Amino acid sequence: VAKYLPYGPVKDVVPYLTRRARENTSVAGQTGRELGLIKKELD
């Protein structure tokens, strides 16, 4: 297993971060799954 690990100056990486935020919003259920798992662990 390997994770993609982005790096770079904050200013230059913002386009990546905003694209990632938009993709999370558009991919059905992705953000909801992350939220559900975090809530389950905190509980």
ModelCIF file with pLDDT and N, C-alpha, C, O atoms, coordinates in Angstrom:
data_MODEL
#
_entry.id   MODEL 
#
_entity.id                         1 
_entity.type                       polymer 
_entity.pdbx_number_of_molecules   1 
#
_entity_poly.entity_id                      1 
_entity_poly.type                           'polypeptide(L)' 
_entity_poly.nstd_linkage                   no 
_entity_poly.nstd_monomer                   no 
_entity_poly.pdbx_seq_one_letter_code       VAKYLPYGPVKDVVPYLTRRARENTSVAGQTGRELGLIKKELD 
_entity_poly.pdbx_seq_one_letter_code_can   VAKYLPYGPVKDVVPYLTRRARENTSVAGQTGRELGLIKKELD 
_entity_poly.pdbx_strand_id                 A 
#
loop_
_entity_poly_seq.entity_id 
_entity_poly_seq.num 
_entity_poly_seq.mon_id 
_entity_poly_seq.hetero 
1 1  VAL n 
1 2  ALA n 
1 3  LYS n 
1 4  TYR n 
1 5  LEU n 
1 6  PRO n 
1 7  TYR n 
1 8  GLY n 
1 9  PRO n 
1 10 VAL n 
1 11 LYS n 
1 12 ASP n 
1 13 VAL n 
1 14 VAL n 
1 15 PRO n 
1 16 TYR n 
1 17 LEU n 
1 18 THR n 
1 19 ARG n 
1 20 ARG n 
1 21 ALA n 
1 22 ARG n 
1 23 GLU n 
1 24 ASN n 
1 25 THR n 
1 26 SER n 
1 27 VAL n 
1 28 ALA n 
1 29 GLY n 
1 30 GLN n 
1 31 THR n 
1 32 GLY n 
1 33 ARG n 
1 34 GLU n 
1 35 LEU n 
1 36 GLY n 
1 37 LEU n 
1 38 ILE n 
1 39 LYS n 
1 40 LYS n 
1 41 GLU n 
1 42 LEU n 
1 43 ASP n 
#
_struct_asym.id          A 
_struct_asym.entity_id   1 
#
loop_
_ma_qa_metric.id 
_ma_qa_metric.mode 
_ma_qa_metric.name 
_ma_qa_metric.software_group_id 
_ma_qa_metric.type 
1 global pLDDT . pLDDT 
2 local  pLDDT . pLDDT 
#
_ma_qa_metric_global.metric_id      1 
_ma_qa_metric_global.metric_value   79.70 
_ma_qa_metric_global.model_id       1 
_ma_qa_metric_global.ordinal_id     1 
#
loop_
_ma_qa_metric_local.label_asym_id 
_ma_qa_metric_local.label_comp_id 
_ma_qa_metric_local.label_seq_id 
_ma_qa_metric_local.metric_id 
_ma_qa_metric_local.metric_value 
_ma_qa_metric_local.model_id 
_ma_qa_metric_local.ordinal_id 
A VAL 1  2 98.00 1 1  
A ALA 2  2 98.00 1 2  
A LYS 3  2 97.00 1 3  
A TYR 4  2 95.00 1 4  
A LEU 5  2 95.00 1 5  
A PRO 6  2 92.00 1 6  
A TYR 7  2 93.00 1 7  
A GLY 8  2 90.00 1 8  
A PRO 9  2 86.00 1 9  
A VAL 10 2 82.00 1 10 
A LYS 11 2 78.00 1 11 
A ASP 12 2 81.00 1 12 
A VAL 13 2 80.00 1 13 
A VAL 14 2 75.00 1 14 
A PRO 15 2 74.00 1 15 
A TYR 16 2 75.00 1 16 
A LEU 17 2 74.00 1 17 
A THR 18 2 70.00 1 18 
A ARG 19 2 66.00 1 19 
A ARG 20 2 65.00 1 20 
A ALA 21 2 64.00 1 21 
A ARG 22 2 61.00 1 22 
A GLU 23 2 60.00 1 23 
A ASN 24 2 56.00 1 24 
A THR 25 2 48.00 1 25 
A SER 26 2 47.00 1 26 
A VAL 27 2 50.00 1 27 
A ALA 28 2 48.00 1 28 
A GLY 29 2 64.00 1 29 
A GLN 30 2 76.00 1 30 
A THR 31 2 81.00 1 31 
A GLY 32 2 84.00 1 32 
A ARG 33 2 89.00 1 33 
A GLU 34 2 90.00 1 34 
A LEU 35 2 90.00 1 35 
A GLY 36 2 91.00 1 36 
A LEU 37 2 94.00 1 37 
A ILE 38 2 95.00 1 38 
A LYS 39 2 94.00 1 39 
A LYS 40 2 95.00 1 40 
A GLU 41 2 96.00 1 41 
A LEU 42 2 95.00 1 42 
A ASP 43 2 95.00 1 43 
#
loop_
_atom_site.group_PDB 
_atom_site.id 
_atom_site.type_symbol 
_atom_site.label_atom_id 
_atom_site.label_alt_id 
_atom_site.label_comp_id 
_atom_site.label_asym_id 
_atom_site.label_entity_id 
_atom_site.label_seq_id 
_atom_site.pdbx_PDB_ins_code 
_atom_site.Cartn_x 
_atom_site.Cartn_y 
_atom_site.Cartn_z 
_atom_site.occupancy 
_atom_site.B_iso_or_equiv 
_atom_site.pdbx_formal_charge 
_atom_site.auth_seq_id 
_atom_site.auth_comp_id 
_atom_site.auth_asym_id 
_atom_site.auth_atom_id 
_atom_site.pdbx_PDB_model_num 
ATOM 1   N N  . VAL A 1 1  ? 0.853   -1.195 0.000  1.00 98.00 ? 1  VAL A N  1 
ATOM 2   C CA . VAL A 1 1  ? 0.000   0.000  0.000  1.00 98.00 ? 1  VAL A CA 1 
ATOM 3   C C  . VAL A 1 1  ? 0.886   1.242  0.000  1.00 98.00 ? 1  VAL A C  1 
ATOM 4   O O  . VAL A 1 1  ? 1.921   1.277  0.665  1.00 98.00 ? 1  VAL A O  1 
ATOM 5   N N  . ALA A 1 2  ? 0.470   2.258  -0.752 1.00 98.00 ? 2  ALA A N  1 
ATOM 6   C CA . ALA A 1 2  ? 1.191   3.532  -0.721 1.00 98.00 ? 2  ALA A CA 1 
ATOM 7   C C  . ALA A 1 2  ? 0.197   4.677  -0.859 1.00 98.00 ? 2  ALA A C  1 
ATOM 8   O O  . ALA A 1 2  ? -0.793  4.579  -1.584 1.00 98.00 ? 2  ALA A O  1 
ATOM 9   N N  . LYS A 1 3  ? 0.478   5.748  -0.160 1.00 97.00 ? 3  LYS A N  1 
ATOM 10  C CA . LYS A 1 3  ? -0.352  6.947  -0.213 1.00 97.00 ? 3  LYS A CA 1 
ATOM 11  C C  . LYS A 1 3  ? 0.331   8.007  -1.083 1.00 97.00 ? 3  LYS A C  1 
ATOM 12  O O  . LYS A 1 3  ? 1.541   8.212  -0.995 1.00 97.00 ? 3  LYS A O  1 
ATOM 13  N N  . TYR A 1 4  ? -0.462  8.674  -1.920 1.00 95.00 ? 4  TYR A N  1 
ATOM 14  C CA . TYR A 1 4  ? 0.016   9.884  -2.591 1.00 95.00 ? 4  TYR A CA 1 
ATOM 15  C C  . TYR A 1 4  ? 0.200   10.964 -1.540 1.00 95.00 ? 4  TYR A C  1 
ATOM 16  O O  . TYR A 1 4  ? -0.737  11.284 -0.809 1.00 95.00 ? 4  TYR A O  1 
ATOM 17  N N  . LEU A 1 5  ? 1.393   11.525 -1.455 1.00 95.00 ? 5  LEU A N  1 
ATOM 18  C CA . LEU A 1 5  ? 1.691   12.529 -0.430 1.00 95.00 ? 5  LEU A CA 1 
ATOM 19  C C  . LEU A 1 5  ? 2.096   13.846 -1.109 1.00 95.00 ? 5  LEU A C  1 
ATOM 20  O O  . LEU A 1 5  ? 3.274   14.050 -1.403 1.00 95.00 ? 5  LEU A O  1 
ATOM 21  N N  . PRO A 1 6  ? 1.132   14.733 -1.357 1.00 92.00 ? 6  PRO A N  1 
ATOM 22  C CA . PRO A 1 6  ? 1.460   16.006 -1.998 1.00 92.00 ? 6  PRO A CA 1 
ATOM 23  C C  . PRO A 1 6  ? 2.311   16.878 -1.088 1.00 92.00 ? 6  PRO A C  1 
ATOM 24  O O  . PRO A 1 6  ? 2.196   16.829 0.137  1.00 92.00 ? 6  PRO A O  1 
ATOM 25  N N  . TYR A 1 7  ? 3.170   17.678 -1.715 1.00 93.00 ? 7  TYR A N  1 
ATOM 26  C CA . TYR A 1 7  ? 3.931   18.666 -0.952 1.00 93.00 ? 7  TYR A CA 1 
ATOM 27  C C  . TYR A 1 7  ? 4.272   19.830 -1.874 1.00 93.00 ? 7  TYR A C  1 
ATOM 28  O O  . TYR A 1 7  ? 4.162   19.722 -3.096 1.00 93.00 ? 7  TYR A O  1 
ATOM 29  N N  . GLY A 1 8  ? 4.685   20.936 -1.281 1.00 90.00 ? 8  GLY A N  1 
ATOM 30  C CA . GLY A 1 8  ? 5.068   22.130 -2.036 1.00 90.00 ? 8  GLY A CA 1 
ATOM 31  C C  . GLY A 1 8  ? 4.682   23.369 -1.247 1.00 90.00 ? 8  GLY A C  1 
ATOM 32  O O  . GLY A 1 8  ? 3.958   23.274 -0.255 1.00 90.00 ? 8  GLY A O  1 
ATOM 33  N N  . PRO A 1 9  ? 5.162   24.539 -1.682 1.00 86.00 ? 9  PRO A N  1 
ATOM 34  C CA . PRO A 1 9  ? 4.783   25.779 -1.010 1.00 86.00 ? 9  PRO A CA 1 
ATOM 35  C C  . PRO A 1 9  ? 3.270   25.936 -0.974 1.00 86.00 ? 9  PRO A C  1 
ATOM 36  O O  . PRO A 1 9  ? 2.589   25.636 -1.955 1.00 86.00 ? 9  PRO A O  1 
ATOM 37  N N  . VAL A 1 10 ? 2.739   26.407 0.157  1.00 82.00 ? 10 VAL A N  1 
ATOM 38  C CA . VAL A 1 10 ? 1.288   26.515 0.325  1.00 82.00 ? 10 VAL A CA 1 
ATOM 39  C C  . VAL A 1 10 ? 0.657   27.251 -0.850 1.00 82.00 ? 10 VAL A C  1 
ATOM 40  O O  . VAL A 1 10 ? -0.345  26.794 -1.400 1.00 82.00 ? 10 VAL A O  1 
ATOM 41  N N  . LYS A 1 11 ? 1.228   28.377 -1.237 1.00 78.00 ? 11 LYS A N  1 
ATOM 42  C CA . LYS A 1 11 ? 0.659   29.190 -2.323 1.00 78.00 ? 11 LYS A CA 1 
ATOM 43  C C  . LYS A 1 11 ? 0.541   28.387 -3.612 1.00 78.00 ? 11 LYS A C  1 
ATOM 44  O O  . LYS A 1 11 ? -0.453  28.496 -4.328 1.00 78.00 ? 11 LYS A O  1 
ATOM 45  N N  . ASP A 1 12 ? 1.561   27.577 -3.906 1.00 81.00 ? 12 ASP A N  1 
ATOM 46  C CA . ASP A 1 12 ? 1.568   26.827 -5.164 1.00 81.00 ? 12 ASP A CA 1 
ATOM 47  C C  . ASP A 1 12 ? 0.684   25.586 -5.109 1.00 81.00 ? 12 ASP A C  1 
ATOM 48  O O  . ASP A 1 12 ? 0.242   25.091 -6.146 1.00 81.00 ? 12 ASP A O  1 
ATOM 49  N N  . VAL A 1 13 ? 0.427   25.083 -3.903 1.00 80.00 ? 13 VAL A N  1 
ATOM 50  C CA . VAL A 1 13 ? -0.358  23.850 -3.758 1.00 80.00 ? 13 VAL A CA 1 
ATOM 51  C C  . VAL A 1 13 ? -1.856  24.134 -3.649 1.00 80.00 ? 13 VAL A C  1 
ATOM 52  O O  . VAL A 1 13 ? -2.663  23.212 -3.762 1.00 80.00 ? 13 VAL A O  1 
ATOM 53  N N  . VAL A 1 14 ? -2.242  25.396 -3.433 1.00 75.00 ? 14 VAL A N  1 
ATOM 54  C CA . VAL A 1 14 ? -3.658  25.733 -3.286 1.00 75.00 ? 14 VAL A CA 1 
ATOM 55  C C  . VAL A 1 14 ? -4.519  25.249 -4.464 1.00 75.00 ? 14 VAL A C  1 
ATOM 56  O O  . VAL A 1 14 ? -5.618  24.750 -4.220 1.00 75.00 ? 14 VAL A O  1 
ATOM 57  N N  . PRO A 1 15 ? -4.080  25.369 -5.730 1.00 74.00 ? 15 PRO A N  1 
ATOM 58  C CA . PRO A 1 15 ? -4.918  24.814 -6.814 1.00 74.00 ? 15 PRO A CA 1 
ATOM 59  C C  . PRO A 1 15 ? -5.196  23.325 -6.640 1.00 74.00 ? 15 PRO A C  1 
ATOM 60  O O  . PRO A 1 15 ? -6.303  22.864 -6.918 1.00 74.00 ? 15 PRO A O  1 
ATOM 61  N N  . TYR A 1 16 ? -4.192  22.566 -6.178 1.00 75.00 ? 16 TYR A N  1 
ATOM 62  C CA . TYR A 1 16 ? -4.409  21.145 -5.894 1.00 75.00 ? 16 TYR A CA 1 
ATOM 63  C C  . TYR A 1 16 ? -5.431  20.975 -4.774 1.00 75.00 ? 16 TYR A C  1 
ATOM 64  O O  . TYR A 1 16 ? -6.351  20.164 -4.883 1.00 75.00 ? 16 TYR A O  1 
ATOM 65  N N  . LEU A 1 17 ? -5.267  21.737 -3.706 1.00 74.00 ? 17 LEU A N  1 
ATOM 66  C CA . LEU A 1 17 ? -6.151  21.592 -2.544 1.00 74.00 ? 17 LEU A CA 1 
ATOM 67  C C  . LEU A 1 17 ? -7.600  21.933 -2.893 1.00 74.00 ? 17 LEU A C  1 
ATOM 68  O O  . LEU A 1 17 ? -8.524  21.242 -2.464 1.00 74.00 ? 17 LEU A O  1 
ATOM 69  N N  . THR A 1 18 ? -7.796  22.996 -3.669 1.00 70.00 ? 18 THR A N  1 
ATOM 70  C CA . THR A 1 18 ? -9.160  23.377 -4.025 1.00 70.00 ? 18 THR A CA 1 
ATOM 71  C C  . THR A 1 18 ? -9.773  22.345 -4.975 1.00 70.00 ? 18 THR A C  1 
ATOM 72  O O  . THR A 1 18 ? -10.971 22.069 -4.908 1.00 70.00 ? 18 THR A O  1 
ATOM 73  N N  . ARG A 1 19 ? -8.950  21.778 -5.857 1.00 66.00 ? 19 ARG A N  1 
ATOM 74  C CA . ARG A 1 19 ? -9.454  20.709 -6.743 1.00 66.00 ? 19 ARG A CA 1 
ATOM 75  C C  . ARG A 1 19 ? -9.844  19.490 -5.904 1.00 66.00 ? 19 ARG A C  1 
ATOM 76  O O  . ARG A 1 19 ? -10.870 18.858 -6.154 1.00 66.00 ? 19 ARG A O  1 
ATOM 77  N N  . ARG A 1 20 ? -9.025  19.173 -4.921 1.00 65.00 ? 20 ARG A N  1 
ATOM 78  C CA . ARG A 1 20 ? -9.327  18.031 -4.042 1.00 65.00 ? 20 ARG A CA 1 
ATOM 79  C C  . ARG A 1 20 ? -10.638 18.274 -3.284 1.00 65.00 ? 20 ARG A C  1 
ATOM 80  O O  . ARG A 1 20 ? -11.446 17.358 -3.137 1.00 65.00 ? 20 ARG A O  1 
ATOM 81  N N  . ALA A 1 21 ? -10.848 19.492 -2.810 1.00 64.00 ? 21 ALA A N  1 
ATOM 82  C CA . ALA A 1 21 ? -12.089 19.812 -2.088 1.00 64.00 ? 21 ALA A CA 1 
ATOM 83  C C  . ALA A 1 21 ? -13.293 19.661 -3.012 1.00 64.00 ? 21 ALA A C  1 
ATOM 84  O O  . ALA A 1 21 ? -14.319 19.107 -2.619 1.00 64.00 ? 21 ALA A O  1 
ATOM 85  N N  . ARG A 1 22 ? -13.164 20.158 -4.243 1.00 61.00 ? 22 ARG A N  1 
ATOM 86  C CA . ARG A 1 22 ? -14.281 20.049 -5.190 1.00 61.00 ? 22 ARG A CA 1 
ATOM 87  C C  . ARG A 1 22 ? -14.558 18.594 -5.548 1.00 61.00 ? 22 ARG A C  1 
ATOM 88  O O  . ARG A 1 22 ? -15.714 18.184 -5.653 1.00 61.00 ? 22 ARG A O  1 
ATOM 89  N N  . GLU A 1 23 ? -13.486 17.809 -5.736 1.00 60.00 ? 23 GLU A N  1 
ATOM 90  C CA . GLU A 1 23 ? -13.673 16.388 -6.080 1.00 60.00 ? 23 GLU A CA 1 
ATOM 91  C C  . GLU A 1 23 ? -14.355 15.645 -4.931 1.00 60.00 ? 23 GLU A C  1 
ATOM 92  O O  . GLU A 1 23 ? -15.212 14.791 -5.160 1.00 60.00 ? 23 GLU A O  1 
ATOM 93  N N  . ASN A 1 24 ? -13.976 15.969 -3.708 1.00 56.00 ? 24 ASN A N  1 
ATOM 94  C CA . ASN A 1 24 ? -14.616 15.336 -2.555 1.00 56.00 ? 24 ASN A CA 1 
ATOM 95  C C  . ASN A 1 24 ? -16.104 15.642 -2.522 1.00 56.00 ? 24 ASN A C  1 
ATOM 96  O O  . ASN A 1 24 ? -16.916 14.799 -2.142 1.00 56.00 ? 24 ASN A O  1 
ATOM 97  N N  . THR A 1 25 ? -16.452 16.865 -2.928 1.00 48.00 ? 25 THR A N  1 
ATOM 98  C CA . THR A 1 25 ? -17.853 17.249 -2.939 1.00 48.00 ? 25 THR A CA 1 
ATOM 99  C C  . THR A 1 25 ? -18.614 16.515 -4.031 1.00 48.00 ? 25 THR A C  1 
ATOM 100 O O  . THR A 1 25 ? -19.769 16.134 -3.839 1.00 48.00 ? 25 THR A O  1 
ATOM 101 N N  . SER A 1 26 ? -17.956 16.310 -5.203 1.00 47.00 ? 26 SER A N  1 
ATOM 102 C CA . SER A 1 26 ? -18.663 15.746 -6.352 1.00 47.00 ? 26 SER A CA 1 
ATOM 103 C C  . SER A 1 26 ? -18.696 14.223 -6.349 1.00 47.00 ? 26 SER A C  1 
ATOM 104 O O  . SER A 1 26 ? -19.588 13.635 -6.961 1.00 47.00 ? 26 SER A O  1 
ATOM 105 N N  . VAL A 1 27 ? -17.740 13.559 -5.671 1.00 50.00 ? 27 VAL A N  1 
ATOM 106 C CA . VAL A 1 27 ? -17.738 12.096 -5.653 1.00 50.00 ? 27 VAL A CA 1 
ATOM 107 C C  . VAL A 1 27 ? -18.800 11.609 -4.672 1.00 50.00 ? 27 VAL A C  1 
ATOM 108 O O  . VAL A 1 27 ? -18.758 11.901 -3.476 1.00 50.00 ? 27 VAL A O  1 
ATOM 109 N N  . ALA A 1 28 ? -19.747 10.864 -5.215 1.00 48.00 ? 28 ALA A N  1 
ATOM 110 C CA . ALA A 1 28 ? -20.904 10.446 -4.408 1.00 48.00 ? 28 ALA A CA 1 
ATOM 111 C C  . ALA A 1 28 ? -20.483 9.695  -3.149 1.00 48.00 ? 28 ALA A C  1 
ATOM 112 O O  . ALA A 1 28 ? -19.845 8.644  -3.216 1.00 48.00 ? 28 ALA A O  1 
ATOM 113 N N  . GLY A 1 29 ? -20.853 10.256 -2.000 1.00 64.00 ? 29 GLY A N  1 
ATOM 114 C CA . GLY A 1 29 ? -20.660 9.540  -0.745 1.00 64.00 ? 29 GLY A CA 1 
ATOM 115 C C  . GLY A 1 29 ? -19.278 9.619  -0.133 1.00 64.00 ? 29 GLY A C  1 
ATOM 116 O O  . GLY A 1 29 ? -19.106 9.197  1.010  1.00 64.00 ? 29 GLY A O  1 
ATOM 117 N N  . GLN A 1 30 ? -18.263 10.149 -0.851 1.00 76.00 ? 30 GLN A N  1 
ATOM 118 C CA . GLN A 1 30 ? -16.898 10.107 -0.325 1.00 76.00 ? 30 GLN A CA 1 
ATOM 119 C C  . GLN A 1 30 ? -16.770 10.880 0.988  1.00 76.00 ? 30 GLN A C  1 
ATOM 120 O O  . GLN A 1 30 ? -16.270 10.353 1.982  1.00 76.00 ? 30 GLN A O  1 
ATOM 121 N N  . THR A 1 31 ? -17.226 12.131 0.981  1.00 81.00 ? 31 THR A N  1 
ATOM 122 C CA . THR A 1 31 ? -17.100 12.945 2.182  1.00 81.00 ? 31 THR A CA 1 
ATOM 123 C C  . THR A 1 31 ? -17.946 12.386 3.317  1.00 81.00 ? 31 THR A C  1 
ATOM 124 O O  . THR A 1 31 ? -17.527 12.401 4.474  1.00 81.00 ? 31 THR A O  1 
ATOM 125 N N  . GLY A 1 32 ? -19.135 11.892 2.985  1.00 84.00 ? 32 GLY A N  1 
ATOM 126 C CA . GLY A 1 32 ? -19.998 11.289 4.000  1.00 84.00 ? 32 GLY A CA 1 
ATOM 127 C C  . GLY A 1 32 ? -19.357 10.078 4.650  1.00 84.00 ? 32 GLY A C  1 
ATOM 128 O O  . GLY A 1 32 ? -19.500 9.859  5.853  1.00 84.00 ? 32 GLY A O  1 
ATOM 129 N N  . ARG A 1 33 ? -18.639 9.280  3.839  1.00 89.00 ? 33 ARG A N  1 
ATOM 130 C CA . ARG A 1 33 ? -17.940 8.106  4.396  1.00 89.00 ? 33 ARG A CA 1 
ATOM 131 C C  . ARG A 1 33 ? -16.864 8.538  5.372  1.00 89.00 ? 33 ARG A C  1 
ATOM 132 O O  . ARG A 1 33 ? -16.734 7.966  6.455  1.00 89.00 ? 33 ARG A O  1 
ATOM 133 N N  . GLU A 1 34 ? -16.082 9.561  4.986  1.00 90.00 ? 34 GLU A N  1 
ATOM 134 C CA . GLU A 1 34 ? -15.023 10.053 5.877  1.00 90.00 ? 34 GLU A CA 1 
ATOM 135 C C  . GLU A 1 34 ? -15.625 10.540 7.194  1.00 90.00 ? 34 GLU A C  1 
ATOM 136 O O  . GLU A 1 34 ? -15.116 10.227 8.270  1.00 90.00 ? 34 GLU A O  1 
ATOM 137 N N  . LEU A 1 35 ? -16.708 11.303 7.101  1.00 90.00 ? 35 LEU A N  1 
ATOM 138 C CA . LEU A 1 35 ? -17.358 11.833 8.301  1.00 90.00 ? 35 LEU A CA 1 
ATOM 139 C C  . LEU A 1 35 ? -17.890 10.713 9.186  1.00 90.00 ? 35 LEU A C  1 
ATOM 140 O O  . LEU A 1 35 ? -17.726 10.741 10.406 1.00 90.00 ? 35 LEU A O  1 
ATOM 141 N N  . GLY A 1 36 ? -18.532 9.722  8.557  1.00 91.00 ? 36 GLY A N  1 
ATOM 142 C CA . GLY A 1 36 ? -19.100 8.611  9.318  1.00 91.00 ? 36 GLY A CA 1 
ATOM 143 C C  . GLY A 1 36 ? -18.039 7.821  10.060 1.00 91.00 ? 36 GLY A C  1 
ATOM 144 O O  . GLY A 1 36 ? -18.245 7.418  11.204 1.00 91.00 ? 36 GLY A O  1 
ATOM 145 N N  . LEU A 1 37 ? -16.896 7.599  9.406  1.00 94.00 ? 37 LEU A N  1 
ATOM 146 C CA . LEU A 1 37 ? -15.816 6.837  10.034 1.00 94.00 ? 37 LEU A CA 1 
ATOM 147 C C  . LEU A 1 37 ? -15.194 7.612  11.201 1.00 94.00 ? 37 LEU A C  1 
ATOM 148 O O  . LEU A 1 37 ? -14.905 7.040  12.252 1.00 94.00 ? 37 LEU A O  1 
ATOM 149 N N  . ILE A 1 38 ? -14.991 8.916  11.004 1.00 95.00 ? 38 ILE A N  1 
ATOM 150 C CA . ILE A 1 38 ? -14.421 9.735  12.082 1.00 95.00 ? 38 ILE A CA 1 
ATOM 151 C C  . ILE A 1 38 ? -15.372 9.762  13.286 1.00 95.00 ? 38 ILE A C  1 
ATOM 152 O O  . ILE A 1 38 ? -14.944 9.618  14.431 1.00 95.00 ? 38 ILE A O  1 
ATOM 153 N N  . LYS A 1 39 ? -16.671 9.949  13.005 1.00 94.00 ? 39 LYS A N  1 
ATOM 154 C CA . LYS A 1 39 ? -17.654 9.989  14.090 1.00 94.00 ? 39 LYS A CA 1 
ATOM 155 C C  . LYS A 1 39 ? -17.692 8.647  14.830 1.00 94.00 ? 39 LYS A C  1 
ATOM 156 O O  . LYS A 1 39 ? -17.769 8.604  16.058 1.00 94.00 ? 39 LYS A O  1 
ATOM 157 N N  . LYS A 1 40 ? -17.636 7.563  14.069 1.00 95.00 ? 40 LYS A N  1 
ATOM 158 C CA . LYS A 1 40 ? -17.658 6.233  14.681 1.00 95.00 ? 40 LYS A CA 1 
ATOM 159 C C  . LYS A 1 40 ? -16.469 6.049  15.629 1.00 95.00 ? 40 LYS A C  1 
ATOM 160 O O  . LYS A 1 40 ? -16.619 5.502  16.721 1.00 95.00 ? 40 LYS A O  1 
ATOM 161 N N  . GLU A 1 41 ? -15.291 6.509  15.204 1.00 96.00 ? 41 GLU A N  1 
ATOM 162 C CA . GLU A 1 41 ? -14.105 6.354  16.051 1.00 96.00 ? 41 GLU A CA 1 
ATOM 163 C C  . GLU A 1 41 ? -14.177 7.249  17.288 1.00 96.00 ? 41 GLU A C  1 
ATOM 164 O O  . GLU A 1 41 ? -13.805 6.822  18.381 1.00 96.00 ? 41 GLU A O  1 
ATOM 165 N N  . LEU A 1 42 ? -14.647 8.476  17.128 1.00 95.00 ? 42 LEU A N  1 
ATOM 166 C CA . LEU A 1 42 ? -14.785 9.356  18.290 1.00 95.00 ? 42 LEU A CA 1 
ATOM 167 C C  . LEU A 1 42 ? -15.797 8.790  19.284 1.00 95.00 ? 42 LEU A C  1 
ATOM 168 O O  . LEU A 1 42 ? -15.594 8.858  20.496 1.00 95.00 ? 42 LEU A O  1 
ATOM 169 N N  . ASP A 1 43 ? -16.889 8.231  18.760 1.00 95.00 ? 43 ASP A N  1 
ATOM 170 C CA . ASP A 1 43 ? -17.872 7.600  19.648 1.00 95.00 ? 43 ASP A CA 1 
ATOM 171 C C  . ASP A 1 43 ? -17.275 6.399  20.370 1.00 95.00 ? 43 ASP A C  1 
ATOM 172 O O  . ASP A 1 43 ? -17.961 5.748  21.157 1.00 95.00 ? 43 ASP A O  1 
#
